[in-house]
N, C-alpha and C. Protein backbone atom coordinates (compact mmCIF):
# COMPACT_ATOMS: atom_id res chain seq x y z
N MET A 1 90.36 109.50 90.66
CA MET A 1 90.63 108.36 91.04
C MET A 1 92.10 107.64 91.12
N ASN A 2 92.81 107.71 89.85
CA ASN A 2 93.85 107.42 89.68
C ASN A 2 94.31 107.80 88.33
N TYR A 3 95.77 107.58 87.82
CA TYR A 3 96.00 108.16 86.41
C TYR A 3 95.66 107.11 85.12
N GLY A 4 95.24 105.89 85.72
CA GLY A 4 94.44 105.37 84.84
C GLY A 4 95.17 104.10 84.04
N TYR A 5 94.81 103.32 83.46
CA TYR A 5 95.45 102.22 82.78
C TYR A 5 95.07 101.63 81.58
N LEU A 6 95.60 101.43 80.44
CA LEU A 6 95.32 100.84 79.56
C LEU A 6 95.92 99.32 79.14
N PRO A 7 94.92 98.43 79.03
CA PRO A 7 95.64 97.23 79.26
C PRO A 7 96.51 96.42 78.41
N SER A 8 97.42 95.63 78.50
CA SER A 8 98.44 95.17 77.61
C SER A 8 97.51 94.01 76.98
N GLU A 9 98.29 93.66 75.79
CA GLU A 9 97.40 92.82 74.57
C GLU A 9 97.07 91.43 75.21
N GLU A 10 97.79 91.14 76.32
CA GLU A 10 97.55 89.83 76.78
C GLU A 10 96.40 89.86 77.51
N GLU A 11 96.22 90.79 78.28
CA GLU A 11 95.13 91.05 79.23
C GLU A 11 93.77 91.09 78.74
N THR A 12 93.24 89.98 78.62
CA THR A 12 91.89 89.81 78.15
C THR A 12 90.50 89.67 78.80
N ASN A 13 90.58 90.05 79.91
CA ASN A 13 89.32 90.14 80.71
C ASN A 13 89.11 91.20 81.12
N PRO A 14 88.19 91.89 79.80
CA PRO A 14 87.69 93.49 80.13
C PRO A 14 86.72 93.81 81.03
N PRO A 15 86.61 94.91 81.75
CA PRO A 15 85.51 95.20 82.71
C PRO A 15 84.24 95.39 82.25
N SER A 16 83.24 95.25 82.82
CA SER A 16 81.98 95.00 82.41
C SER A 16 81.06 96.33 82.09
N TYR A 17 81.76 97.56 82.43
CA TYR A 17 81.25 98.86 82.44
C TYR A 17 81.18 99.18 81.12
N CYS A 18 80.14 100.53 80.95
CA CYS A 18 80.13 100.87 79.51
C CYS A 18 81.58 101.79 79.03
N GLU A 19 81.93 101.51 78.18
CA GLU A 19 82.95 101.78 77.32
C GLU A 19 82.96 103.50 77.37
N THR A 20 82.08 104.28 77.18
CA THR A 20 82.08 105.73 77.61
C THR A 20 82.03 106.34 78.88
N ASP A 21 82.20 105.27 79.87
CA ASP A 21 82.33 106.13 81.15
C ASP A 21 83.42 107.05 81.18
N VAL A 22 83.30 108.25 81.77
CA VAL A 22 84.50 109.06 81.63
C VAL A 22 85.60 108.65 82.82
N GLN A 23 85.35 107.64 83.58
CA GLN A 23 86.17 106.85 84.53
C GLN A 23 86.63 105.75 84.14
N ARG A 24 86.61 105.27 82.93
CA ARG A 24 87.00 104.11 82.11
C ARG A 24 88.52 103.99 82.53
N ASN A 25 89.55 104.58 82.26
CA ASN A 25 90.68 104.09 82.53
C ASN A 25 90.99 104.14 84.05
N PRO A 26 90.96 104.95 84.86
CA PRO A 26 90.87 104.94 86.01
C PRO A 26 90.17 103.49 86.84
N LEU A 27 89.06 103.22 86.41
CA LEU A 27 88.34 101.94 86.76
C LEU A 27 89.44 100.52 86.13
N GLN A 28 89.78 100.65 85.03
CA GLN A 28 90.58 99.76 84.55
C GLN A 28 91.95 99.43 85.21
N MET A 29 92.23 100.49 86.09
CA MET A 29 93.43 100.17 86.90
C MET A 29 93.01 99.35 88.13
N TYR A 30 91.92 99.66 88.87
CA TYR A 30 91.30 99.01 89.56
C TYR A 30 91.13 97.36 89.11
N HIS A 31 90.49 97.22 88.19
CA HIS A 31 90.18 96.16 87.34
C HIS A 31 91.12 95.01 87.27
N TYR A 32 92.17 95.57 86.63
CA TYR A 32 93.24 94.59 86.26
C TYR A 32 94.07 94.49 87.26
N LEU A 33 93.92 95.25 88.60
CA LEU A 33 94.89 95.05 89.46
C LEU A 33 94.13 93.76 90.48
N ALA A 34 92.68 94.22 90.70
CA ALA A 34 91.90 93.19 91.37
C ALA A 34 91.92 92.13 90.95
N THR A 35 91.93 91.68 89.48
CA THR A 35 91.36 90.28 88.86
C THR A 35 92.81 89.48 88.92
N LYS A 36 93.88 90.13 89.30
CA LYS A 36 95.11 89.12 89.82
C LYS A 36 94.96 88.00 90.56
N THR A 37 93.87 88.13 91.60
CA THR A 37 93.30 86.90 92.15
C THR A 37 91.84 87.03 92.28
N CYS A 38 91.14 86.11 92.58
CA CYS A 38 89.68 85.73 92.65
C CYS A 38 89.30 86.79 93.67
N LEU A 39 88.39 87.60 93.82
CA LEU A 39 87.68 88.03 95.19
C LEU A 39 86.36 87.50 95.31
N GLU A 40 85.77 86.77 94.46
CA GLU A 40 84.38 86.17 94.63
C GLU A 40 84.34 85.53 96.09
N GLY A 41 83.58 85.93 96.99
CA GLY A 41 83.39 85.56 98.41
C GLY A 41 84.45 85.76 99.47
N LYS A 42 85.18 86.58 98.76
CA LYS A 42 86.61 86.89 99.90
C LYS A 42 86.12 88.33 100.72
N HIS A 43 86.85 88.54 101.57
CA HIS A 43 86.85 89.70 102.55
C HIS A 43 88.05 90.21 102.05
N VAL A 44 87.82 91.67 101.58
CA VAL A 44 88.65 92.59 100.83
C VAL A 44 88.87 93.95 101.73
N LEU A 45 90.12 94.27 101.81
CA LEU A 45 90.19 95.74 102.49
C LEU A 45 90.77 96.65 101.47
N GLU A 46 90.49 97.78 101.24
CA GLU A 46 91.29 98.87 100.67
C GLU A 46 91.92 99.80 101.45
N VAL A 47 92.98 99.96 101.40
CA VAL A 47 93.70 101.07 102.15
C VAL A 47 94.08 102.25 101.61
N GLY A 48 93.73 103.25 101.62
CA GLY A 48 93.47 104.29 100.73
C GLY A 48 92.52 104.61 99.94
N SER A 49 91.11 104.32 100.40
CA SER A 49 90.08 104.23 99.25
C SER A 49 89.50 105.81 98.73
N GLY A 50 90.14 106.80 99.34
CA GLY A 50 89.59 108.12 98.83
C GLY A 50 88.12 108.05 98.82
N ARG A 51 87.67 108.77 97.47
CA ARG A 51 86.09 109.02 97.58
C ARG A 51 85.65 107.61 97.40
N GLY A 52 86.13 106.68 97.04
CA GLY A 52 85.30 105.48 96.90
C GLY A 52 84.69 104.80 95.53
N GLY A 53 85.24 105.53 94.47
CA GLY A 53 84.89 104.99 93.05
C GLY A 53 85.39 103.53 92.89
N GLY A 54 86.64 103.39 93.25
CA GLY A 54 87.15 102.28 92.94
C GLY A 54 86.29 100.88 93.69
N ALA A 55 86.27 101.35 94.89
CA ALA A 55 85.86 100.23 95.83
C ALA A 55 84.35 99.84 95.46
N LYS A 56 83.36 101.06 94.90
CA LYS A 56 82.09 100.57 94.50
C LYS A 56 82.04 99.64 93.36
N TYR A 57 82.90 99.94 92.50
CA TYR A 57 83.20 99.10 91.10
C TYR A 57 83.49 97.63 91.78
N ILE A 58 84.54 97.29 92.35
CA ILE A 58 84.97 96.21 92.63
C ILE A 58 83.88 95.34 93.71
N ALA A 59 83.64 96.24 94.51
CA ALA A 59 82.27 95.50 95.51
C ALA A 59 81.24 95.05 94.46
N GLY A 60 80.90 96.08 93.29
CA GLY A 60 79.56 95.75 92.75
C GLY A 60 79.85 94.67 91.80
N LYS A 61 80.92 94.43 90.88
CA LYS A 61 81.26 93.82 89.77
C LYS A 61 81.89 92.20 90.27
N LEU A 62 82.84 92.36 91.31
CA LEU A 62 83.77 90.97 91.52
C LEU A 62 83.10 90.26 92.45
N ASN A 63 82.04 90.62 93.15
CA ASN A 63 81.35 89.83 94.02
C ASN A 63 82.08 89.39 95.45
N PRO A 64 82.82 90.41 95.96
CA PRO A 64 83.44 89.93 97.35
C PRO A 64 82.40 89.66 98.35
N ALA A 65 82.56 88.98 99.36
CA ALA A 65 81.57 88.85 100.58
C ALA A 65 81.66 89.93 101.15
N SER A 66 82.62 90.82 101.61
CA SER A 66 82.63 92.21 102.07
C SER A 66 83.90 92.92 101.48
N TYR A 67 83.56 94.31 101.50
CA TYR A 67 84.63 95.05 101.02
C TYR A 67 84.37 96.17 101.98
N ILE A 68 85.89 96.44 102.48
CA ILE A 68 85.89 97.85 103.36
C ILE A 68 86.79 98.63 102.62
N GLY A 69 86.42 100.07 102.47
CA GLY A 69 87.52 100.91 101.97
C GLY A 69 87.55 102.09 103.19
N MET A 70 89.05 102.04 103.62
CA MET A 70 89.55 102.60 104.73
C MET A 70 90.71 103.98 104.01
N ASP A 71 90.06 105.15 104.79
CA ASP A 71 90.91 106.29 104.33
C ASP A 71 91.40 106.98 105.45
N LEU A 72 92.48 107.53 105.44
CA LEU A 72 92.96 108.42 106.77
C LEU A 72 92.04 109.60 106.76
N ALA A 73 91.48 110.34 105.52
CA ALA A 73 90.73 111.53 105.91
C ALA A 73 89.27 111.18 106.11
N HIS A 74 88.92 111.99 107.04
CA HIS A 74 87.53 111.76 107.50
C HIS A 74 86.52 112.11 106.53
N SER A 75 86.79 113.27 105.35
CA SER A 75 85.94 113.88 104.78
C SER A 75 85.76 113.10 103.48
N ALA A 76 86.91 112.10 103.41
CA ALA A 76 87.02 111.22 102.21
C ALA A 76 85.91 110.31 102.53
N VAL A 77 86.03 109.65 103.77
CA VAL A 77 85.16 108.46 104.30
C VAL A 77 83.57 108.95 104.06
N ALA A 78 83.34 110.23 104.63
CA ALA A 78 82.03 110.81 104.74
C ALA A 78 81.46 110.91 103.32
N LEU A 79 82.20 111.26 102.51
CA LEU A 79 81.85 111.37 100.98
C LEU A 79 81.50 110.00 100.32
N ALA A 80 82.52 109.26 100.47
CA ALA A 80 82.31 107.79 99.86
C ALA A 80 80.95 107.23 100.61
N LYS A 81 80.82 107.53 101.88
CA LYS A 81 79.61 106.89 102.40
C LYS A 81 78.35 107.51 101.73
N LYS A 82 78.48 108.75 101.52
CA LYS A 82 77.55 109.53 100.72
C LYS A 82 77.04 108.99 99.26
N LEU A 83 78.24 108.62 98.56
CA LEU A 83 78.08 108.71 97.24
C LEU A 83 77.89 107.05 97.12
N HIS A 84 78.22 106.05 97.92
CA HIS A 84 78.17 104.88 97.33
C HIS A 84 77.78 103.78 98.35
N GLN A 85 76.64 103.17 98.00
CA GLN A 85 75.89 102.19 98.84
C GLN A 85 75.71 101.13 98.25
N LEU A 86 76.37 100.02 98.91
CA LEU A 86 76.00 98.65 98.54
C LEU A 86 76.08 97.67 99.61
N PRO A 87 75.11 96.32 99.50
CA PRO A 87 75.14 95.87 101.04
C PRO A 87 76.81 95.45 101.54
N ASN A 88 77.53 94.95 100.29
CA ASN A 88 78.69 94.22 100.99
C ASN A 88 79.74 95.18 101.31
N LEU A 89 79.69 96.50 100.91
CA LEU A 89 80.76 97.61 100.98
C LEU A 89 80.49 98.57 102.11
N LYS A 90 81.48 99.15 103.04
CA LYS A 90 81.57 99.69 104.10
C LYS A 90 82.64 100.24 104.01
N PHE A 91 82.88 102.02 104.72
CA PHE A 91 83.72 102.61 104.47
C PHE A 91 84.25 103.06 106.05
N ILE A 92 85.45 102.94 106.36
CA ILE A 92 85.94 103.52 107.61
C ILE A 92 87.27 104.56 107.68
N GLN A 93 87.16 104.90 108.72
CA GLN A 93 88.43 105.84 108.99
C GLN A 93 89.66 105.31 109.42
N GLY A 94 90.81 105.30 109.09
CA GLY A 94 91.70 104.58 110.14
C GLY A 94 92.99 104.81 109.03
N SER A 95 94.35 104.72 109.86
CA SER A 95 95.59 104.95 109.28
C SER A 95 95.98 103.59 108.51
N ALA A 96 97.00 103.59 107.41
CA ALA A 96 97.62 102.68 106.93
C ALA A 96 98.73 102.25 107.88
N GLU A 97 99.11 102.76 108.50
CA GLU A 97 100.26 102.45 109.94
C GLU A 97 99.75 101.83 110.94
N SER A 98 98.43 101.81 110.89
CA SER A 98 97.63 101.32 112.39
C SER A 98 96.43 100.29 111.72
N ILE A 99 96.15 99.57 111.09
CA ILE A 99 94.83 99.19 110.56
C ILE A 99 93.77 98.82 111.69
N PRO A 100 92.48 99.32 111.62
CA PRO A 100 91.60 99.14 112.99
C PRO A 100 91.15 97.89 112.84
N LEU A 101 91.49 96.70 112.30
CA LEU A 101 91.25 95.25 111.87
C LEU A 101 91.76 94.17 112.81
N PRO A 102 91.47 93.22 113.09
CA PRO A 102 91.92 91.99 113.94
C PRO A 102 93.09 91.46 112.92
N ASP A 103 94.05 90.50 113.55
CA ASP A 103 94.96 89.92 112.95
C ASP A 103 94.17 88.88 112.17
N ASN A 104 94.70 88.52 111.02
CA ASN A 104 94.19 87.28 110.25
C ASN A 104 92.59 87.23 109.83
N SER A 105 92.29 88.54 109.43
CA SER A 105 91.03 88.94 109.30
C SER A 105 90.62 89.19 107.78
N VAL A 106 91.62 89.32 106.78
CA VAL A 106 91.14 89.71 105.51
C VAL A 106 92.05 88.74 104.74
N ASP A 107 91.29 88.62 103.51
CA ASP A 107 91.54 87.60 102.48
C ASP A 107 92.53 88.54 101.35
N VAL A 108 92.29 89.87 100.95
CA VAL A 108 92.72 90.57 100.22
C VAL A 108 93.09 92.14 100.53
N VAL A 109 94.19 92.43 100.68
CA VAL A 109 94.42 93.95 100.74
C VAL A 109 94.66 94.32 99.26
N LEU A 110 94.11 95.71 98.86
CA LEU A 110 94.38 96.45 97.80
C LEU A 110 94.89 98.15 98.11
N ASN A 111 95.75 98.53 97.43
CA ASN A 111 96.41 99.60 97.77
C ASN A 111 96.59 100.23 96.34
N VAL A 112 95.78 101.53 96.04
CA VAL A 112 96.14 101.90 94.72
C VAL A 112 96.59 103.54 94.83
N GLU A 113 97.64 103.79 94.12
CA GLU A 113 98.45 105.28 94.17
C GLU A 113 98.09 105.54 95.61
N SER A 114 98.56 105.10 96.61
CA SER A 114 98.48 105.50 97.92
C SER A 114 99.58 105.69 98.77
N CYS A 115 100.30 104.39 98.99
CA CYS A 115 101.58 104.39 99.74
C CYS A 115 102.92 105.25 99.70
N HIS A 116 102.80 106.03 98.64
CA HIS A 116 103.87 106.85 98.30
C HIS A 116 103.93 108.13 99.46
N ALA A 117 102.62 108.34 99.94
CA ALA A 117 102.44 109.36 100.77
C ALA A 117 102.37 108.81 102.17
N TYR A 118 102.86 107.57 102.59
CA TYR A 118 102.79 107.10 104.03
C TYR A 118 104.26 107.69 104.57
N GLY A 119 103.82 108.02 106.18
CA GLY A 119 105.17 108.11 106.87
C GLY A 119 106.33 107.31 106.80
N SER A 120 105.56 105.82 107.00
CA SER A 120 106.60 104.69 106.95
C SER A 120 105.78 103.33 106.05
N VAL A 121 106.52 103.31 105.01
CA VAL A 121 105.85 102.20 103.88
C VAL A 121 106.02 100.62 104.67
N THR A 122 107.27 100.68 105.58
CA THR A 122 108.05 99.51 106.01
C THR A 122 106.61 98.95 107.27
N GLN A 123 105.99 100.10 108.10
CA GLN A 123 105.21 99.82 108.96
C GLN A 123 103.83 99.55 108.26
N PHE A 124 103.43 100.05 107.28
CA PHE A 124 102.22 99.69 106.25
C PHE A 124 102.42 98.26 105.94
N LEU A 125 103.51 97.73 105.17
CA LEU A 125 103.53 96.73 105.02
C LEU A 125 103.52 95.53 106.15
N SER A 126 103.79 95.96 107.19
CA SER A 126 104.16 95.18 108.44
C SER A 126 102.41 94.95 108.84
N GLU A 127 101.56 96.01 109.03
CA GLU A 127 100.34 96.01 109.26
C GLU A 127 99.43 95.28 108.12
N VAL A 128 99.80 95.29 107.12
CA VAL A 128 98.97 94.50 105.89
C VAL A 128 99.25 93.14 106.28
N LYS A 129 100.37 92.67 106.33
CA LYS A 129 100.72 91.24 106.65
C LYS A 129 99.87 90.77 108.04
N ARG A 130 100.01 91.51 108.85
CA ARG A 130 99.56 91.05 110.28
C ARG A 130 97.72 90.91 110.01
N VAL A 131 96.98 91.73 109.06
CA VAL A 131 95.55 91.60 108.97
C VAL A 131 95.23 90.67 108.45
N LEU A 132 96.55 90.23 107.02
CA LEU A 132 95.74 89.23 106.05
C LEU A 132 96.13 87.76 106.57
N LYS A 133 94.93 86.99 106.38
CA LYS A 133 94.78 85.44 106.48
C LYS A 133 95.76 84.98 105.85
N PRO A 134 96.52 83.83 106.74
CA PRO A 134 97.63 83.19 105.82
C PRO A 134 96.91 82.60 104.48
N GLY A 135 97.72 82.98 103.47
CA GLY A 135 97.84 82.58 101.95
C GLY A 135 97.07 83.84 101.34
N GLY A 136 96.70 84.82 102.27
CA GLY A 136 95.92 85.88 101.63
C GLY A 136 96.92 87.16 100.63
N TYR A 137 96.44 88.01 99.92
CA TYR A 137 97.09 88.65 99.16
C TYR A 137 97.11 90.26 99.31
N LEU A 138 98.12 90.65 98.74
CA LEU A 138 98.50 92.42 98.95
C LEU A 138 98.45 92.62 97.07
N LEU A 139 97.46 93.23 96.78
CA LEU A 139 97.65 94.02 95.55
C LEU A 139 97.80 95.36 95.52
N LEU A 140 98.79 95.71 94.91
CA LEU A 140 99.24 97.18 95.07
C LEU A 140 99.81 97.55 93.80
N VAL A 141 99.53 98.91 93.42
CA VAL A 141 100.06 99.82 92.35
C VAL A 141 100.40 101.15 92.91
N ASP A 142 101.68 101.58 92.40
CA ASP A 142 102.21 102.84 92.93
C ASP A 142 103.09 103.19 92.07
N PHE A 143 103.49 104.50 92.23
CA PHE A 143 104.83 105.15 91.50
C PHE A 143 105.78 105.65 92.41
N ARG A 144 106.93 105.96 91.86
CA ARG A 144 108.16 106.84 92.42
C ARG A 144 109.01 107.09 91.71
N SER A 145 109.68 108.03 92.03
CA SER A 145 111.00 108.40 91.11
C SER A 145 111.74 107.15 90.84
N GLU A 146 112.73 107.08 89.86
CA GLU A 146 113.61 105.60 89.76
C GLU A 146 114.24 105.22 91.08
N ASN A 147 114.99 106.52 91.61
CA ASN A 147 115.73 106.00 92.91
C ASN A 147 114.97 105.39 93.76
N LYS A 148 113.66 106.17 94.31
CA LYS A 148 112.76 105.89 95.42
C LYS A 148 112.40 104.31 95.03
N MET A 149 111.92 104.09 93.63
CA MET A 149 111.54 103.11 93.26
C MET A 149 112.42 101.82 93.88
N CYS A 150 113.70 101.89 93.72
CA CYS A 150 114.45 101.07 94.09
C CYS A 150 114.55 100.78 95.60
N ILE A 151 114.33 101.78 96.39
CA ILE A 151 114.23 101.58 97.71
C ILE A 151 112.70 100.79 97.85
N PHE A 152 111.84 101.29 97.36
CA PHE A 152 110.33 100.44 97.48
C PHE A 152 110.30 99.32 97.28
N GLN A 153 111.59 98.57 96.42
CA GLN A 153 111.16 97.30 95.67
C GLN A 153 112.12 96.64 96.71
N GLU A 154 113.11 97.35 97.50
CA GLU A 154 113.81 96.75 98.79
C GLU A 154 112.99 96.62 99.91
N GLN A 155 112.05 97.47 100.13
CA GLN A 155 111.04 97.31 101.20
C GLN A 155 109.87 96.44 100.91
N ILE A 156 109.64 96.17 99.65
CA ILE A 156 108.70 95.26 99.16
C ILE A 156 109.13 93.80 99.40
N HIS A 157 110.48 93.61 99.02
CA HIS A 157 110.86 92.10 99.00
C HIS A 157 111.37 91.87 100.64
N ALA A 158 111.66 92.84 101.40
CA ALA A 158 111.93 92.74 103.04
C ALA A 158 110.48 92.63 103.97
N ALA A 159 109.52 92.38 103.11
CA ALA A 159 108.35 92.55 103.89
C ALA A 159 107.54 91.25 104.50
N GLY A 160 108.45 90.18 104.38
CA GLY A 160 107.96 88.94 104.69
C GLY A 160 106.80 87.99 104.08
N MET A 161 106.79 88.74 102.75
CA MET A 161 105.52 87.90 101.89
C MET A 161 106.22 87.57 100.56
N ASN A 162 105.64 86.70 99.86
CA ASN A 162 106.00 86.25 98.55
C ASN A 162 105.61 87.13 97.61
N VAL A 163 106.70 87.62 96.83
CA VAL A 163 106.18 88.43 95.73
C VAL A 163 105.95 87.72 94.43
N LEU A 164 105.05 87.50 93.89
CA LEU A 164 104.26 86.92 92.87
C LEU A 164 104.70 87.46 91.36
N GLN A 165 104.34 88.72 91.48
CA GLN A 165 104.37 89.61 90.37
C GLN A 165 104.75 90.75 90.53
N GLU A 166 105.75 91.25 89.81
CA GLU A 166 106.49 92.66 89.92
C GLU A 166 106.48 93.33 88.18
N GLU A 167 105.62 93.90 88.11
CA GLU A 167 105.29 94.53 86.80
C GLU A 167 105.68 96.09 86.57
N ASN A 168 106.57 96.48 85.65
CA ASN A 168 106.51 97.83 85.23
C ASN A 168 105.52 98.38 84.61
N ILE A 169 104.43 99.16 84.86
CA ILE A 169 103.34 99.23 84.08
C ILE A 169 103.29 100.86 83.70
N SER A 170 104.46 101.20 83.53
CA SER A 170 104.53 102.66 83.19
C SER A 170 103.89 103.02 81.84
N LYS A 171 104.18 102.29 81.10
CA LYS A 171 103.70 102.29 79.67
C LYS A 171 102.26 102.54 79.44
N ASN A 172 101.55 101.43 80.45
CA ASN A 172 100.17 101.36 80.27
C ASN A 172 99.56 102.68 80.99
N VAL A 173 100.01 103.47 81.68
CA VAL A 173 99.87 104.27 82.42
C VAL A 173 99.86 105.83 81.52
N ILE A 174 101.08 105.52 80.83
CA ILE A 174 101.50 106.95 79.93
C ILE A 174 100.45 106.79 78.55
N HIS A 175 99.90 105.50 78.17
CA HIS A 175 98.93 105.44 77.17
C HIS A 175 97.56 105.72 77.50
N SER A 176 97.16 105.55 78.97
CA SER A 176 96.18 105.86 79.55
C SER A 176 96.13 107.34 79.66
N ILE A 177 96.93 108.26 80.10
CA ILE A 177 97.06 109.72 80.22
C ILE A 177 96.60 109.95 78.96
N GLU A 178 97.38 109.59 77.62
CA GLU A 178 97.21 110.37 76.30
C GLU A 178 95.95 109.78 75.86
N ASP A 179 95.42 108.82 76.22
CA ASP A 179 94.07 108.17 75.66
C ASP A 179 92.84 109.11 75.99
N GLU A 180 92.91 109.49 77.06
CA GLU A 180 91.95 110.39 78.04
C GLU A 180 92.23 111.91 77.92
N ASN A 181 93.47 112.12 77.45
CA ASN A 181 93.78 113.67 77.54
C ASN A 181 92.79 114.69 76.99
N THR A 182 92.11 114.56 75.76
CA THR A 182 91.23 115.38 75.14
C THR A 182 89.95 115.56 76.45
N ALA A 183 89.70 114.77 76.93
CA ALA A 183 88.47 114.45 77.59
C ALA A 183 88.64 115.13 78.79
N LYS A 184 89.58 114.87 79.45
CA LYS A 184 90.23 115.37 80.74
C LYS A 184 90.24 116.77 80.79
N VAL A 185 91.20 117.42 79.93
CA VAL A 185 91.29 118.91 79.52
C VAL A 185 89.82 119.45 79.15
N ASN A 186 89.14 118.92 78.55
CA ASN A 186 87.65 119.63 78.48
C ASN A 186 86.85 119.76 79.83
N ARG A 187 87.21 118.64 80.64
CA ARG A 187 86.35 118.83 81.78
C ARG A 187 87.09 119.67 82.71
N ILE A 188 88.58 119.83 82.49
CA ILE A 188 89.20 121.05 83.47
C ILE A 188 88.92 122.45 83.06
N ASN A 189 88.58 122.65 81.57
CA ASN A 189 88.41 123.99 81.00
C ASN A 189 87.01 124.12 81.44
N LYS A 190 86.14 123.29 81.36
CA LYS A 190 84.51 123.52 81.67
C LYS A 190 84.54 123.55 83.48
N LEU A 191 85.06 123.08 84.29
CA LEU A 191 85.00 122.75 85.27
C LEU A 191 85.64 124.04 86.42
N ILE A 192 86.75 124.15 85.94
CA ILE A 192 88.00 124.86 86.87
C ILE A 192 87.98 126.40 86.28
N PRO A 193 88.16 127.27 87.55
CA PRO A 193 88.11 128.74 86.93
C PRO A 193 89.51 128.75 86.46
N PRO A 194 89.80 129.59 85.17
CA PRO A 194 90.90 129.97 84.16
C PRO A 194 92.17 129.85 85.12
N LYS A 195 92.01 130.72 86.19
CA LYS A 195 93.50 131.25 86.92
C LYS A 195 93.82 130.07 87.62
N TRP A 196 93.00 128.90 87.93
CA TRP A 196 93.69 127.40 88.33
C TRP A 196 93.63 126.48 87.41
N GLN A 197 93.37 126.68 86.42
CA GLN A 197 93.57 125.43 85.20
C GLN A 197 94.79 125.05 84.99
N ALA A 198 95.86 125.94 85.00
CA ALA A 198 97.36 124.94 84.65
C ALA A 198 97.77 124.45 85.80
N LEU A 199 97.52 124.97 87.05
CA LEU A 199 97.58 124.31 88.20
C LEU A 199 97.03 122.88 88.57
N PHE A 200 95.83 123.14 88.18
CA PHE A 200 94.88 121.52 88.21
C PHE A 200 95.44 120.33 87.20
N SER A 201 95.73 121.32 86.18
CA SER A 201 96.25 120.05 84.98
C SER A 201 97.37 119.65 85.30
N GLU A 202 98.30 120.37 85.92
CA GLU A 202 99.38 119.41 86.53
C GLU A 202 99.12 118.39 87.56
N PHE A 203 98.55 118.79 88.55
CA PHE A 203 97.90 117.77 89.47
C PHE A 203 97.04 116.79 88.88
N ALA A 204 96.41 117.18 88.11
CA ALA A 204 95.52 115.97 87.02
C ALA A 204 96.35 114.86 86.26
N GLY A 205 97.46 115.27 85.91
CA GLY A 205 98.43 114.62 85.25
C GLY A 205 98.01 114.41 83.58
N VAL A 206 97.82 115.64 82.95
CA VAL A 206 97.13 115.55 81.60
C VAL A 206 98.54 115.39 80.99
N ALA A 207 98.56 114.93 79.41
CA ALA A 207 99.80 115.10 78.78
C ALA A 207 100.30 116.33 78.42
N GLY A 208 101.75 116.11 78.73
CA GLY A 208 102.83 117.41 78.80
C GLY A 208 102.90 117.81 80.20
N SER A 209 102.30 117.19 81.12
CA SER A 209 102.62 117.78 82.62
C SER A 209 103.80 117.00 83.04
N LYS A 210 104.25 117.38 84.13
CA LYS A 210 105.61 116.92 84.79
C LYS A 210 105.32 115.42 84.95
N PHE A 211 104.11 114.87 85.53
CA PHE A 211 103.90 113.72 85.93
C PHE A 211 104.10 112.56 84.44
N HIS A 212 103.59 113.16 83.30
CA HIS A 212 103.03 112.42 82.27
C HIS A 212 104.56 112.46 81.59
N GLU A 213 105.55 113.75 81.42
CA GLU A 213 106.84 113.75 81.07
C GLU A 213 107.77 112.79 82.06
N THR A 214 107.83 112.83 83.09
CA THR A 214 108.87 112.12 83.81
C THR A 214 108.78 110.51 83.58
N LEU A 215 107.27 110.03 83.42
CA LEU A 215 107.17 108.66 83.27
C LEU A 215 107.74 108.36 81.93
N LYS A 216 107.72 109.10 80.90
CA LYS A 216 107.91 109.04 79.44
C LYS A 216 109.71 108.68 79.54
N ASP A 217 109.99 109.86 80.44
CA ASP A 217 111.64 109.76 80.11
C ASP A 217 112.51 108.64 81.01
N GLY A 218 111.45 107.90 81.99
CA GLY A 218 111.98 106.77 82.85
C GLY A 218 112.58 107.55 84.36
N SER A 219 112.38 108.77 84.45
CA SER A 219 112.90 109.16 85.79
C SER A 219 111.51 109.02 86.85
N ARG A 220 110.47 108.63 86.58
CA ARG A 220 109.45 108.25 87.39
C ARG A 220 109.11 106.83 86.79
N GLN A 221 108.86 105.99 87.78
CA GLN A 221 108.29 104.69 87.27
C GLN A 221 106.93 104.34 88.05
N TYR A 222 106.01 103.34 87.37
CA TYR A 222 104.93 103.03 87.94
C TYR A 222 104.83 101.68 87.90
N TYR A 223 104.81 100.88 89.10
CA TYR A 223 104.53 99.33 89.23
C TYR A 223 103.60 98.79 89.80
N ARG A 224 103.35 97.55 89.54
CA ARG A 224 102.34 96.76 89.99
C ARG A 224 102.83 95.59 90.46
N PHE A 225 102.43 95.28 91.77
CA PHE A 225 102.86 94.23 92.77
C PHE A 225 101.97 93.02 93.29
N VAL A 226 101.96 91.87 92.73
CA VAL A 226 101.05 90.51 93.61
C VAL A 226 102.15 90.23 94.93
N MET A 227 101.34 90.30 95.91
CA MET A 227 102.29 89.72 97.08
C MET A 227 101.19 88.72 97.83
N GLN A 228 101.89 87.62 98.61
CA GLN A 228 101.04 86.64 99.36
C GLN A 228 101.57 86.38 100.26
N LYS A 229 100.83 86.35 101.38
CA LYS A 229 101.32 85.91 102.89
C LYS A 229 101.48 84.65 102.66
N ALA A 230 102.32 83.94 103.42
CA ALA A 230 102.61 82.40 103.46
C ALA A 230 101.65 81.64 104.18
N ALA A 231 101.32 80.79 103.50
CA ALA A 231 99.95 79.63 104.20
C ALA A 231 100.59 79.07 105.28
N ILE A 232 99.95 78.68 106.30
CA ILE A 232 100.25 77.86 107.54
C ILE A 232 100.19 76.31 106.98
């Protein structure tokens, strides 16, 4: 789902799922992002919803009126539809740079570890602003190299929305990687053929991987943003 998140001491609203869930830390990434605003009764869009596990958690636990998970990959959308069914949840195929929804139709947009892969982040942010209702929120977490994060922050501040929060959460992600490392390594050893385990461990971001080490030395940074479209 994502690299996971361990909350800071001041974050006291714990998720309501079982503490032994193997996806606990990735779900916490969603939970502590989504609870930056109230989603109850709201219309929510997730851009880049992947296999849909985070979408199912938020739709089921935080009571939005509707939750649309959108992904570019047809295969991801098909799998999410098969795995996750809730009355207020649906999945659609679409591009982050051309969101197939009307202007001013969404209360909250979520984007989790996704926009670093987009062809045009500026176009994505423009599309988010277009589909958000006045006063709506963009809640976003993503990583970049140190230099690219500076560029990304400039794009964020030039997007024409109010930046309410801008937090470096690299330490929270580092702690998550280290916290779940034993369980993650055990799953890789059990499920992945030996010849692919080293490659998959890098992709999964286990402790000691390039992703983990670059977060630790600061050459890669992970940020959380809360943005709001101006109210009319």
